[in-house]
């Protein structure tokens, strides 16, 4: 049993990887990609949905090719079939492993299955999942995570800026307090001199 694994965000991505992309790695879109043996580990790896707290991406191997799962060429030729795989998993979640193990006969036997046809999974949803898969495969954060990261970084910059301004205000206050103290001391000194001069005329 292989210890090579790939963890994805949802079952749709798992099914796409197992039923569509393993074939594209070895005998399809990327069969002639270099290095020529780069398909072996991805095809041996078992895909699953990441458990809570588990990292997304490859486990026990590193991708040698950063596949673009949302390739327009792939969507043009295989988009309908990809949608079929996901709808099949939605219609028969209890049979996902059976589908993965028998993908060729599953596709033939269920091509006209009305239960599968009734499932809602659009091309837009497919593209979103595929782009996310590309990020996961490359070890990059998802679009949502990137937006959250940028938002957090912006908030941190604003906090840092405000703290800097507060320090400047405190520094200015301290300087103003020092000047005021020195001025009061000088006035008291002048007052003392003036009073001393007045005593000469008493």
C-alpha atoms as a PDB file:
ATOM      1  CA  UNK A   1       0.000   0.000   0.000  1.00  0.00           C
ATOM      2  CA  UNK A   2       1.374   3.407  -0.987  1.00  0.00           C
ATOM      3  CA  UNK A   3       2.163   6.049   1.605  1.00  0.00           C
ATOM      4  CA  UNK A   4       1.923   8.779  -1.018  1.00  0.00           C
ATOM      5  CA  UNK A   5      -1.110  10.995  -0.438  1.00  0.00           C
ATOM      6  CA  UNK A   6      -2.748  14.168  -1.656  1.00  0.00           C
ATOM      7  CA  UNK A   7      -5.263  15.982   0.516  1.00  0.00           C
ATOM      8  CA  UNK A   8      -7.818  18.302  -1.015  1.00  0.00           C
ATOM      9  CA  UNK A   9     -10.469  20.669   0.271  1.00  0.00           C
ATOM     10  CA  UNK A  10     -13.561  18.693  -0.755  1.00  0.00           C
ATOM     11  CA  UNK A  11     -14.820  15.461  -2.266  1.00  0.00           C
ATOM     12  CA  UNK A  12     -15.310  17.086  -5.693  1.00  0.00           C
ATOM     13  CA  UNK A  13     -11.563  17.742  -5.912  1.00  0.00           C
ATOM     14  CA  UNK A  14     -10.759  14.210  -4.758  1.00  0.00           C
ATOM     15  CA  UNK A  15     -12.985  12.669  -7.425  1.00  0.00           C
ATOM     16  CA  UNK A  16     -11.574  14.944 -10.124  1.00  0.00           C
ATOM     17  CA  UNK A  17      -8.041  13.982  -9.159  1.00  0.00           C
ATOM     18  CA  UNK A  18      -8.716  10.246  -9.033  1.00  0.00           C
ATOM     19  CA  UNK A  19     -11.078   9.848 -11.975  1.00  0.00           C
ATOM     20  CA  UNK A  20      -9.814  12.490 -14.373  1.00  0.00           C
ATOM     21  CA  UNK A  21      -6.356  13.773 -13.666  1.00  0.00           C
ATOM     22  CA  UNK A  22      -4.479  10.570 -12.968  1.00  0.00           C
ATOM     23  CA  UNK A  23      -5.251   9.575 -16.543  1.00  0.00           C
ATOM     24  CA  UNK A  24      -4.214  12.997 -17.786  1.00  0.00           C
ATOM     25  CA  UNK A  25      -0.869  12.674 -15.974  1.00  0.00           C
ATOM     26  CA  UNK A  26       0.076   9.325 -17.500  1.00  0.00           C
ATOM     27  CA  UNK A  27      -1.738   9.049 -20.823  1.00  0.00           C
ATOM     28  CA  UNK A  28      -3.430  12.351 -21.569  1.00  0.00           C
ATOM     29  CA  UNK A  29      -2.697  16.045 -21.477  1.00  0.00           C
ATOM     30  CA  UNK A  30       0.640  15.728 -19.690  1.00  0.00           C
ATOM     31  CA  UNK A  31       1.854  12.321 -20.898  1.00  0.00           C
ATOM     32  CA  UNK A  32       4.864  13.855 -22.684  1.00  0.00           C
ATOM     33  CA  UNK A  33       5.663  16.443 -20.015  1.00  0.00           C
ATOM     34  CA  UNK A  34       9.244  16.444 -18.739  1.00  0.00           C
ATOM     35  CA  UNK A  35      10.650  14.920 -16.658  1.00  0.00           C
ATOM     36  CA  UNK A  36       9.016  11.901 -18.286  1.00  0.00           C
ATOM     37  CA  UNK A  37       8.619   9.887 -15.096  1.00  0.00           C
ATOM     38  CA  UNK A  38       7.067  12.753 -13.134  1.00  0.00           C
ATOM     39  CA  UNK A  39       3.601  11.179 -13.502  1.00  0.00           C
ATOM     40  CA  UNK A  40       4.431   8.086 -11.434  1.00  0.00           C
ATOM     41  CA  UNK A  41       4.166   9.467  -7.911  1.00  0.00           C
ATOM     42  CA  UNK A  42       1.049  11.560  -8.607  1.00  0.00           C
ATOM     43  CA  UNK A  43      -0.624   8.469 -10.057  1.00  0.00           C
ATOM     44  CA  UNK A  44       0.426   6.318  -7.101  1.00  0.00           C
ATOM     45  CA  UNK A  45      -0.756   8.876  -4.571  1.00  0.00           C
ATOM     46  CA  UNK A  46      -4.163   8.397  -2.948  1.00  0.00           C
ATOM     47  CA  UNK A  47      -6.383  11.475  -2.777  1.00  0.00           C
ATOM     48  CA  UNK A  48      -8.619  12.260   0.177  1.00  0.00           C
ATOM     49  CA  UNK A  49     -10.400  15.174   1.827  1.00  0.00           C
ATOM     50  CA  UNK A  50      -8.146  16.798   4.415  1.00  0.00           C
ATOM     51  CA  UNK A  51      -9.159  16.134   7.991  1.00  0.00           C
ATOM     52  CA  UNK A  52      -9.693  19.110  10.331  1.00  0.00           C
ATOM     53  CA  UNK A  53      -6.294  20.659  11.007  1.00  0.00           C
ATOM     54  CA  UNK A  54      -4.536  18.557   8.353  1.00  0.00           C
ATOM     55  CA  UNK A  55      -2.440  20.365   5.759  1.00  0.00           C
ATOM     56  CA  UNK A  56      -3.666  20.478   2.186  1.00  0.00           C
ATOM     57  CA  UNK A  57      -1.390  19.239  -0.591  1.00  0.00           C
ATOM     58  CA  UNK A  58       0.997  16.384  -1.236  1.00  0.00           C
ATOM     59  CA  UNK A  59       2.295  14.139   1.526  1.00  0.00           C
ATOM     60  CA  UNK A  60       5.528  12.107   1.340  1.00  0.00           C
ATOM     61  CA  UNK A  61       6.445  13.424  -2.104  1.00  0.00           C
ATOM     62  CA  UNK A  62       7.002  16.748  -3.849  1.00  0.00           C
ATOM     63  CA  UNK A  63       5.400  17.603  -7.198  1.00  0.00           C
ATOM     64  CA  UNK A  64       7.951  17.698  -9.982  1.00  0.00           C
ATOM     65  CA  UNK A  65       5.487  19.372 -12.335  1.00  0.00           C
ATOM     66  CA  UNK A  66       3.126  22.144 -11.280  1.00  0.00           C
ATOM     67  CA  UNK A  67       0.043  21.087 -13.220  1.00  0.00           C
ATOM     68  CA  UNK A  68      -2.484  23.683 -14.274  1.00  0.00           C
ATOM     69  CA  UNK A  69      -5.671  21.804 -13.527  1.00  0.00           C
ATOM     70  CA  UNK A  70      -7.856  24.611 -14.906  1.00  0.00           C
ATOM     71  CA  UNK A  71      -6.194  24.537 -18.325  1.00  0.00           C
ATOM     72  CA  UNK A  72      -8.620  25.887 -20.989  1.00  0.00           C
ATOM     73  CA  UNK A  73      -7.643  23.026 -23.320  1.00  0.00           C
ATOM     74  CA  UNK A  74      -8.649  20.484 -20.679  1.00  0.00           C
ATOM     75  CA  UNK A  75     -11.908  22.262 -19.957  1.00  0.00           C
ATOM     76  CA  UNK A  76     -12.758  22.349 -23.663  1.00  0.00           C
ATOM     77  CA  UNK A  77     -12.222  18.640 -24.211  1.00  0.00           C
ATOM     78  CA  UNK A  78     -13.028  17.166 -20.800  1.00  0.00           C
ATOM     79  CA  UNK A  79     -15.109  19.723 -18.891  1.00  0.00           C
ATOM     80  CA  UNK A  80     -18.388  17.857 -19.336  1.00  0.00           C
ATOM     81  CA  UNK A  81     -16.818  14.621 -18.122  1.00  0.00           C
ATOM     82  CA  UNK A  82     -15.314  16.381 -15.089  1.00  0.00           C
ATOM     83  CA  UNK A  83     -18.743  17.735 -14.191  1.00  0.00           C
ATOM     84  CA  UNK A  84     -20.137  14.217 -14.598  1.00  0.00           C
ATOM     85  CA  UNK A  85     -17.614  12.851 -12.079  1.00  0.00           C
ATOM     86  CA  UNK A  86     -18.523  15.448  -9.485  1.00  0.00           C
ATOM     87  CA  UNK A  87     -22.255  15.026 -10.010  1.00  0.00           C
ATOM     88  CA  UNK A  88     -21.804  11.258  -9.659  1.00  0.00           C
ATOM     89  CA  UNK A  89     -20.145  11.753  -6.288  1.00  0.00           C
ATOM     90  CA  UNK A  90     -22.956  14.094  -5.248  1.00  0.00           C
ATOM     91  CA  UNK A  91     -25.631  11.616  -6.320  1.00  0.00           C
ATOM     92  CA  UNK A  92     -23.937   8.552  -4.845  1.00  0.00           C
ATOM     93  CA  UNK A  93     -21.638   9.666  -2.001  1.00  0.00           C
ATOM     94  CA  UNK A  94     -21.683   6.156  -0.576  1.00  0.00           C
ATOM     95  CA  UNK A  95     -20.284   4.783  -3.862  1.00  0.00           C
ATOM     96  CA  UNK A  96     -17.388   7.180  -4.406  1.00  0.00           C
ATOM     97  CA  UNK A  97     -14.732   4.529  -3.811  1.00  0.00           C
ATOM     98  CA  UNK A  98     -16.528   2.139  -6.144  1.00  0.00           C
ATOM     99  CA  UNK A  99     -16.635   4.855  -8.787  1.00  0.00           C
ATOM    100  CA  UNK A 100     -12.911   5.582  -8.391  1.00  0.00           C
ATOM    101  CA  UNK A 101     -12.008   1.887  -8.603  1.00  0.00           C
ATOM    102  CA  UNK A 102     -14.187   1.315 -11.706  1.00  0.00           C
ATOM    103  CA  UNK A 103     -14.188   4.669 -13.450  1.00  0.00           C
ATOM    104  CA  UNK A 104     -14.413   3.320 -17.004  1.00  0.00           C
ATOM    105  CA  UNK A 105     -17.390   1.059 -16.407  1.00  0.00           C
ATOM    106  CA  UNK A 106     -18.987   3.666 -14.112  1.00  0.00           C
ATOM    107  CA  UNK A 107     -18.907   6.278 -16.860  1.00  0.00           C
ATOM    108  CA  UNK A 108     -20.501   3.861 -19.347  1.00  0.00           C
ATOM    109  CA  UNK A 109     -23.087   2.446 -16.955  1.00  0.00           C
ATOM    110  CA  UNK A 110     -24.221   5.807 -15.556  1.00  0.00           C
ATOM    111  CA  UNK A 111     -23.990   8.081 -18.593  1.00  0.00           C
ATOM    112  CA  UNK A 112     -27.791   8.494 -18.695  1.00  0.00           C
ATOM    113  CA  UNK A 113     -28.443   8.217 -14.953  1.00  0.00           C
ATOM    114  CA  UNK A 114     -31.238  10.730 -14.133  1.00  0.00           C
ATOM    115  CA  UNK A 115     -30.168  10.970 -10.489  1.00  0.00           C
ATOM    116  CA  UNK A 116     -26.744  12.198 -11.596  1.00  0.00           C
ATOM    117  CA  UNK A 117     -28.229  14.571 -14.160  1.00  0.00           C
ATOM    118  CA  UNK A 118     -30.376  16.222 -11.486  1.00  0.00           C
ATOM    119  CA  UNK A 119     -27.379  17.263  -9.385  1.00  0.00           C
ATOM    120  CA  UNK A 120     -26.365  20.929  -9.474  1.00  0.00           C
ATOM    121  CA  UNK A 121     -22.699  21.541 -10.286  1.00  0.00           C
ATOM    122  CA  UNK A 122     -21.870  24.221 -12.838  1.00  0.00           C
ATOM    123  CA  UNK A 123     -18.907  24.978 -15.049  1.00  0.00           C
ATOM    124  CA  UNK A 124     -18.176  28.018 -12.866  1.00  0.00           C
ATOM    125  CA  UNK A 125     -18.029  25.785  -9.787  1.00  0.00           C
ATOM    126  CA  UNK A 126     -15.761  23.379 -11.649  1.00  0.00           C
ATOM    127  CA  UNK A 127     -13.352  26.177 -12.577  1.00  0.00           C
ATOM    128  CA  UNK A 128     -13.266  27.335  -8.956  1.00  0.00           C
ATOM    129  CA  UNK A 129     -12.406  23.828  -7.758  1.00  0.00           C
ATOM    130  CA  UNK A 130      -9.760  23.365 -10.446  1.00  0.00           C
ATOM    131  CA  UNK A 131      -8.046  26.664  -9.678  1.00  0.00           C
ATOM    132  CA  UNK A 132      -8.060  25.729  -6.007  1.00  0.00           C
ATOM    133  CA  UNK A 133      -6.560  22.327  -6.849  1.00  0.00           C
ATOM    134  CA  UNK A 134      -3.731  24.027  -8.736  1.00  0.00           C
ATOM    135  CA  UNK A 135      -2.972  26.166  -5.687  1.00  0.00           C
ATOM    136  CA  UNK A 136      -3.111  23.185  -3.361  1.00  0.00           C
ATOM    137  CA  UNK A 137      -0.856  21.155  -5.656  1.00  0.00           C
ATOM    138  CA  UNK A 138       1.687  23.988  -5.775  1.00  0.00           C
ATOM    139  CA  UNK A 139       1.522  24.514  -2.015  1.00  0.00           C
ATOM    140  CA  UNK A 140      -0.015  27.974  -2.364  1.00  0.00           C
ATOM    141  CA  UNK A 141      -2.880  29.319  -0.252  1.00  0.00           C
ATOM    142  CA  UNK A 142      -6.361  29.444  -1.702  1.00  0.00           C
ATOM    143  CA  UNK A 143      -7.780  32.658  -3.125  1.00  0.00           C
ATOM    144  CA  UNK A 144      -9.852  33.066   0.036  1.00  0.00           C
ATOM    145  CA  UNK A 145      -6.799  32.520   2.222  1.00  0.00           C
ATOM    146  CA  UNK A 146      -4.793  35.032   0.187  1.00  0.00           C
ATOM    147  CA  UNK A 147      -7.553  37.611   0.550  1.00  0.00           C
ATOM    148  CA  UNK A 148      -7.729  36.943   4.290  1.00  0.00           C
ATOM    149  CA  UNK A 149      -3.935  37.191   4.528  1.00  0.00           C
ATOM    150  CA  UNK A 150      -3.897  40.502   2.657  1.00  0.00           C
ATOM    151  CA  UNK A 151      -6.714  41.786   4.859  1.00  0.00           C
ATOM    152  CA  UNK A 152      -4.803  40.754   7.974  1.00  0.00           C
ATOM    153  CA  UNK A 153      -1.611  42.370   6.663  1.00  0.00           C
ATOM    154  CA  UNK A 154      -3.494  45.594   5.888  1.00  0.00           C
ATOM    155  CA  UNK A 155      -5.020  45.614   9.379  1.00  0.00           C
ATOM    156  CA  UNK A 156      -1.572  45.050  10.903  1.00  0.00           C
ATOM    157  CA  UNK A 157      -0.122  47.927   8.876  1.00  0.00           C
ATOM    158  CA  UNK A 158      -2.919  50.187  10.103  1.00  0.00           C
ATOM    159  CA  UNK A 159      -2.265  49.129  13.702  1.00  0.00           C
ATOM    160  CA  UNK A 160       1.471  49.740  13.287  1.00  0.00           C
ATOM    161  CA  UNK A 161       0.779  53.148  11.719  1.00  0.00           C
ATOM    162  CA  UNK A 162      -1.548  54.179  14.529  1.00  0.00           C
ATOM    163  CA  UNK A 163       0.891  52.980  17.175  1.00  0.00           C
ATOM    164  CA  UNK A 164       3.642  54.995  15.473  1.00  0.00           C
ATOM    165  CA  UNK A 165       1.454  58.093  15.441  1.00  0.00           C
ATOM    166  CA  UNK A 166       0.606  57.588  19.122  1.00  0.00           C
ATOM    167  CA  UNK A 167       4.307  57.301  19.943  1.00  0.00           C
ATOM    168  CA  UNK A 168       4.926  60.496  17.985  1.00  0.00           C
ATOM    169  CA  UNK A 169       2.159  62.277  19.890  1.00  0.00           C
ATOM    170  CA  UNK A 170       3.565  61.058  23.216  1.00  0.00           C
ATOM    171  CA  UNK A 171       7.041  62.101  22.138  1.00  0.00           C
ATOM    172  CA  UNK A 172       5.780  65.537  21.119  1.00  0.00           C
ATOM    173  CA  UNK A 173       3.919  65.865  24.393  1.00  0.00           C
ATOM    174  CA  UNK A 174       7.047  64.940  26.346  1.00  0.00           C
ATOM    175  CA  UNK A 175       9.065  67.494  24.381  1.00  0.00           C
ATOM    176  CA  UNK A 176       6.397  70.167  24.895  1.00  0.00           C
ATOM    177  CA  UNK A 177       6.287  69.340  28.597  1.00  0.00           C
ATOM    178  CA  UNK A 178      10.084  69.707  28.795  1.00  0.00           C
ATOM    179  CA  UNK A 179       9.978  73.093  27.043  1.00  0.00           C
ATOM    180  CA  UNK A 180       7.162  74.259  29.291  1.00  0.00           C
ATOM    181  CA  UNK A 181       9.023  73.148  32.415  1.00  0.00           C
ATOM    182  CA  UNK A 182      12.172  74.949  31.272  1.00  0.00           C
ATOM    183  CA  UNK A 183      10.143  78.079  30.475  1.00  0.00           C
ATOM    184  CA  UNK A 184       8.466  78.053  33.885  1.00  0.00           C
ATOM    185  CA  UNK A 185      11.852  77.593  35.562  1.00  0.00           C
ATOM    186  CA  UNK A 186      13.253  80.543  33.591  1.00  0.00           C
ATOM    187  CA  UNK A 187      10.279  82.717  34.523  1.00  0.00           C
ATOM    188  CA  UNK A 188      10.686  81.778  38.179  1.00  0.00           C
ATOM    189  CA  UNK A 189      14.352  82.666  37.933  1.00  0.00           C
ATOM    190  CA  UNK A 190      13.554  86.041  36.374  1.00  0.00           C
ATOM    191  CA  UNK A 191      10.886  86.656  39.009  1.00  0.00           C
ATOM    192  CA  UNK A 192      13.413  85.919  41.759  1.00  0.00           C
ATOM    193  CA  UNK A 193      15.875  88.388  40.271  1.00  0.00           C
ATOM    194  CA  UNK A 194      13.185  91.036  39.935  1.00  0.00           C
ATOM    195  CA  UNK A 195      12.122  90.628  43.543  1.00  0.00           C
ATOM    196  CA  UNK A 196      15.742  90.811  44.678  1.00  0.00           C
ATOM    197  CA  UNK A 197      16.160  94.108  42.835  1.00  0.00           C
ATOM    198  CA  UNK A 198      12.982  95.477  44.412  1.00  0.00           C
ATOM    199  CA  UNK A 199      14.286  94.843  47.910  1.00  0.00           C
ATOM    200  CA  UNK A 200      17.130  97.275  47.201  1.00  0.00           C
ATOM    201  CA  UNK A 201      14.651 100.131  47.057  1.00  0.00           C
ATOM    202  CA  UNK A 202      12.719  99.303  50.196  1.00  0.00           C
END
